[in-house]
C-alpha cells in the first residue's frame, strides 16, 4: 500500500484503493462476520487468544526441542531431557489447537501447565543454595502461573461455547 504526502498539507494522501470511498467507510475491519467464525469442520473458530496460545505452544516447543540446555539455563530447570519431551508436548498442543480441536488443545495446555509448575517446583527445591538459579526458577514459576491463567480462561470460555 503506497501513500503520498499531499504537497499543500502535512497529511498523507489516501491510498489509491480508498479513492472515491466516503470517509465514514474507511475503517479498519476489527470483527469478522458470524459465518466466517467457523473452522472447516463447522466448529466455532478458536479466536485470537486460542490462536495465540497455539502459536505460542509451537514456538516454545520448538525452542525446547532444539535447545533444551538453553531452556534449562534460562529457566533454572536443569532437566534437558524432560524439557525436550515437554517441547514435543507443547508442539502437539499447539497443532491440536490450530487444527480446529481447540477445546482439547487448550485443556492439554492446562494439564501441561500443571506438569510444568510441578517440575519447576522440584527444581526450586533442588537449587542447593544457588541464589541465581533460585531466582531463575522463581521467575519461571511466575511466568508459568501467568500463562496458566490465560490457558484456563481460554479453555473454560471455549468449553462453555460448546
Protein backbone atom coordinates (compact mmCIF):
# COMPACT_ATOMS: atom_id res chain seq x y z
CA UNK A 1 0.00 0.00 0.00
CA UNK A 2 1.57 3.28 -1.02
CA UNK A 3 0.77 6.70 0.29
CA UNK A 4 1.87 10.09 -0.84
CA UNK A 5 2.19 13.29 1.10
CA UNK A 6 -0.05 15.97 -0.32
CA UNK A 7 2.11 18.95 -1.24
CA UNK A 8 -0.22 21.52 0.34
CA UNK A 9 -0.53 19.74 3.73
CA UNK A 10 1.48 17.64 6.11
CA UNK A 11 -1.10 14.86 5.87
CA UNK A 12 -0.70 11.74 3.86
CA UNK A 13 -2.96 11.40 0.85
CA UNK A 14 -5.35 8.46 0.85
CA UNK A 15 -4.01 5.26 -0.71
CA UNK A 16 -5.35 4.64 -4.22
CA UNK A 17 -7.68 1.86 -3.03
CA UNK A 18 -9.54 4.47 -0.95
CA UNK A 19 -10.06 6.89 -3.82
CA UNK A 20 -13.73 7.75 -4.05
CA UNK A 21 -14.67 5.89 -0.83
CA UNK A 22 -16.60 8.07 1.64
CA UNK A 23 -14.57 8.80 4.79
CA UNK A 24 -17.10 7.08 7.05
CA UNK A 25 -16.41 3.81 5.20
CA UNK A 26 -12.61 3.96 5.52
CA UNK A 27 -12.36 1.91 8.68
CA UNK A 28 -10.14 -0.95 9.62
CA UNK A 29 -12.13 -4.14 9.94
CA UNK A 30 -11.83 -5.40 13.52
CA UNK A 31 -14.57 -8.03 13.59
CA UNK A 32 -15.46 -10.89 11.32
CA UNK A 33 -18.96 -11.97 10.46
CA UNK A 34 -20.60 -14.94 12.19
CA UNK A 35 -20.33 -17.06 9.04
CA UNK A 36 -16.54 -16.60 8.98
CA UNK A 37 -16.05 -17.70 12.60
CA UNK A 38 -16.20 -21.41 11.86
CA UNK A 39 -13.43 -23.88 11.15
CA UNK A 40 -13.53 -26.17 8.14
CA UNK A 41 -15.27 -28.85 10.20
CA UNK A 42 -18.04 -26.43 11.23
CA UNK A 43 -16.86 -25.90 14.80
CA UNK A 44 -16.51 -22.45 16.26
CA UNK A 45 -13.17 -20.87 15.46
CA UNK A 46 -10.58 -20.70 18.20
CA UNK A 47 -10.47 -16.93 18.32
CA UNK A 48 -7.45 -14.70 18.78
CA UNK A 49 -6.43 -15.91 22.25
CA UNK A 50 -6.63 -19.57 21.28
CA UNK A 51 -4.72 -18.89 18.06
CA UNK A 52 -2.05 -17.00 20.02
CA UNK A 53 -1.76 -19.85 22.54
CA UNK A 54 -1.49 -22.40 19.73
CA UNK A 55 1.28 -20.46 18.02
CA UNK A 56 2.97 -19.80 21.37
CA UNK A 57 2.93 -23.55 22.11
CA UNK A 58 4.57 -24.36 18.82
CA UNK A 59 7.25 -21.69 19.26
CA UNK A 60 8.03 -22.70 22.83
CA UNK A 61 8.02 -26.37 21.87
CA UNK A 62 10.47 -25.76 19.04
CA UNK A 63 12.80 -23.97 21.45
CA UNK A 64 12.55 -26.78 24.00
CA UNK A 65 13.17 -29.43 21.33
CA UNK A 66 16.03 -27.67 19.58
CA UNK A 67 17.82 -26.15 22.57
CA UNK A 68 16.83 -27.88 25.83
CA UNK A 69 20.10 -26.88 27.50
CA UNK A 70 19.40 -23.22 26.66
CA UNK A 71 15.90 -23.53 28.12
CA UNK A 72 17.41 -25.18 31.22
CA UNK A 73 19.92 -22.35 31.61
CA UNK A 74 17.28 -19.65 31.11
CA UNK A 75 14.62 -21.21 33.34
CA UNK A 76 16.82 -22.68 36.07
CA UNK A 77 15.12 -26.05 35.50
CA UNK A 78 18.11 -28.38 34.92
CA UNK A 79 16.37 -31.28 33.21
CA UNK A 80 17.17 -31.03 29.46
CA UNK A 81 15.77 -34.48 28.63
CA UNK A 82 12.49 -33.64 30.35
CA UNK A 83 12.40 -30.23 28.68
CA UNK A 84 12.85 -31.85 25.26
CA UNK A 85 9.86 -34.13 25.96
CA UNK A 86 7.86 -31.12 27.14
CA UNK A 87 8.72 -29.45 23.83
CA UNK A 88 7.10 -32.29 21.91
CA UNK A 89 4.04 -31.96 24.16
CA UNK A 90 3.87 -28.19 23.51
CA UNK A 91 4.03 -28.68 19.75
CA UNK A 92 1.29 -31.32 19.89
CA UNK A 93 -0.93 -28.99 21.94
CA UNK A 94 -0.35 -26.09 19.55
CA UNK A 95 -1.09 -28.18 16.48
CA UNK A 96 -4.23 -29.54 18.14
CA UNK A 97 -5.49 -26.01 18.86
CA UNK A 98 -4.73 -24.74 15.36
CA UNK A 99 -6.23 -27.80 13.65
CA UNK A 100 -9.69 -26.91 14.95
CA UNK A 101 -9.75 -29.16 18.02
CA UNK A 102 -9.46 -26.04 20.13
CA UNK A 103 -11.04 -27.22 23.38
CA UNK A 104 -8.92 -30.37 23.63
CA UNK A 105 -5.76 -28.49 22.74
CA UNK A 106 -6.43 -25.78 25.31
CA UNK A 107 -7.14 -28.27 28.08
CA UNK A 108 -3.97 -30.15 27.16
CA UNK A 109 -2.10 -26.86 27.67
CA UNK A 110 -3.70 -26.51 31.13
CA UNK A 111 -2.60 -30.06 32.05
CA UNK A 112 0.86 -29.29 30.70
CA UNK A 113 0.99 -26.13 32.81
CA UNK A 114 0.36 -28.19 35.94
CA UNK A 115 3.18 -30.53 34.96
CA UNK A 116 5.50 -27.59 34.17
CA UNK A 117 4.77 -25.94 37.54
CA UNK A 118 5.42 -29.21 39.38
CA UNK A 119 8.70 -29.66 37.52
CA UNK A 120 9.77 -26.09 38.27
CA UNK A 121 8.82 -26.54 41.93
CA UNK A 122 11.03 -29.65 42.06
CA UNK A 123 13.86 -27.63 40.51
CA UNK A 124 13.33 -24.92 43.12
CA UNK A 125 13.61 -27.46 45.93
CA UNK A 126 16.84 -28.72 44.34
CA UNK A 127 18.65 -25.37 43.99
CA UNK A 128 21.06 -26.21 46.78
CA UNK A 129 21.53 -22.60 47.85
CA UNK A 130 22.33 -21.34 44.33
CA UNK A 131 20.73 -17.88 44.52
CA UNK A 132 20.95 -17.19 40.77
CA UNK A 133 19.29 -20.47 39.86
CA UNK A 134 16.66 -19.96 42.57
CA UNK A 135 15.86 -16.52 41.09
CA UNK A 136 15.51 -18.01 37.59
CA UNK A 137 13.17 -20.74 38.84
CA UNK A 138 11.01 -18.21 40.70
CA UNK A 139 10.74 -16.12 37.52
CA UNK A 140 9.87 -19.25 35.55
CA UNK A 141 7.13 -20.20 38.02
CA UNK A 142 5.73 -16.66 37.85
CA UNK A 143 5.64 -16.84 34.04
CA UNK A 144 4.03 -20.28 34.19
CA UNK A 145 1.33 -19.04 36.55
CA UNK A 146 0.60 -16.12 34.22
CA UNK A 147 0.24 -18.29 31.13
CA UNK A 148 -1.80 -20.81 33.13
CA UNK A 149 -4.35 -18.08 33.82
CA UNK A 150 -4.59 -17.38 30.07
CA UNK A 151 -4.89 -21.10 29.31
CA UNK A 152 -7.65 -21.65 31.90
CA UNK A 153 -9.57 -18.58 30.69
CA UNK A 154 -9.35 -19.71 27.07
CA UNK A 155 -10.16 -23.35 27.85
CA UNK A 156 -13.18 -22.55 30.02
CA UNK A 157 -14.57 -19.99 27.58
CA UNK A 158 -14.27 -22.44 24.69
CA UNK A 159 -15.73 -25.28 26.75
CA UNK A 160 -18.71 -23.11 27.68
CA UNK A 161 -19.21 -22.30 23.98
CA UNK A 162 -19.60 -25.96 23.02
